[in-house]
Amino acid sequence: MFQGADTEALRRTAGRMGQEAMRLDELVASLLATIDAVA
């Protein structure tokens, strides 16, 4: 279905999305920690 170049582009995009998700998780964790400290 996909040519080699398309597969490589999809892999890179998935990798970027994975990195964004990890950063988002860290952001949420720090926000929750801050809320816990304030509450």
C-alpha atoms as a PDB file:
ATOM      1  CA  MET A   1       0.000   0.000   0.000  1.00  0.00           C
ATOM      2  CA  PHE A   2       2.733   2.484   0.991  1.00  0.00           C
ATOM      3  CA  GLN A   3       5.961   3.048  -0.883  1.00  0.00           C
ATOM      4  CA  GLY A   4       9.233   3.059   1.073  1.00  0.00           C
ATOM      5  CA  ALA A   5       9.437   6.864   1.208  1.00  0.00           C
ATOM      6  CA  ASP A   6       5.864   7.136   2.524  1.00  0.00           C
ATOM      7  CA  THR A   7       6.587   4.581   5.231  1.00  0.00           C
ATOM      8  CA  GLU A   8       9.703   6.495   6.302  1.00  0.00           C
ATOM      9  CA  ALA A   9       7.751   9.776   6.451  1.00  0.00           C
ATOM     10  CA  LEU A  10       5.035   8.106   8.526  1.00  0.00           C
ATOM     11  CA  ARG A  11       7.665   6.735  10.898  1.00  0.00           C
ATOM     12  CA  ARG A  12       9.186  10.180  11.358  1.00  0.00           C
ATOM     13  CA  THR A  13       5.749  11.728  11.936  1.00  0.00           C
ATOM     14  CA  ALA A  14       4.854   9.025  14.465  1.00  0.00           C
ATOM     15  CA  GLY A  15       8.173   9.628  16.238  1.00  0.00           C
ATOM     16  CA  ARG A  16       7.478  13.355  16.466  1.00  0.00           C
ATOM     17  CA  MET A  17       3.966  12.721  17.775  1.00  0.00           C
ATOM     18  CA  GLY A  18       5.415  10.332  20.367  1.00  0.00           C
ATOM     19  CA  GLN A  19       7.853  12.986  21.564  1.00  0.00           C
ATOM     20  CA  GLU A  20       5.044  15.564  21.797  1.00  0.00           C
ATOM     21  CA  ALA A  21       2.913  13.125  23.810  1.00  0.00           C
ATOM     22  CA  MET A  22       5.797  12.480  26.236  1.00  0.00           C
ATOM     23  CA  ARG A  23       6.272  16.223  26.732  1.00  0.00           C
ATOM     24  CA  LEU A  24       2.536  16.641  27.280  1.00  0.00           C
ATOM     25  CA  ASP A  25       2.593  13.884  29.913  1.00  0.00           C
ATOM     26  CA  GLU A  26       5.429  15.674  31.723  1.00  0.00           C
ATOM     27  CA  LEU A  27       3.535  18.972  31.570  1.00  0.00           C
ATOM     28  CA  VAL A  28       0.374  17.408  33.005  1.00  0.00           C
ATOM     29  CA  ALA A  29       2.371  15.674  35.745  1.00  0.00           C
ATOM     30  CA  SER A  30       4.039  18.934  36.797  1.00  0.00           C
ATOM     31  CA  LEU A  31       0.693  20.760  36.732  1.00  0.00           C
ATOM     32  CA  LEU A  32      -0.870  18.097  38.963  1.00  0.00           C
ATOM     33  CA  ALA A  33       2.099  18.302  41.338  1.00  0.00           C
ATOM     34  CA  THR A  34       1.697  22.083  41.517  1.00  0.00           C
ATOM     35  CA  ILE A  35      -2.043  21.778  42.188  1.00  0.00           C
ATOM     36  CA  ASP A  36      -1.320  19.223  44.944  1.00  0.00           C
ATOM     37  CA  ALA A  37       1.214  21.583  46.527  1.00  0.00           C
ATOM     38  CA  VAL A  38      -1.218  24.520  46.458  1.00  0.00           C
ATOM     39  CA  ALA A  39      -4.262  22.553  47.650  1.00  0.00           C
END
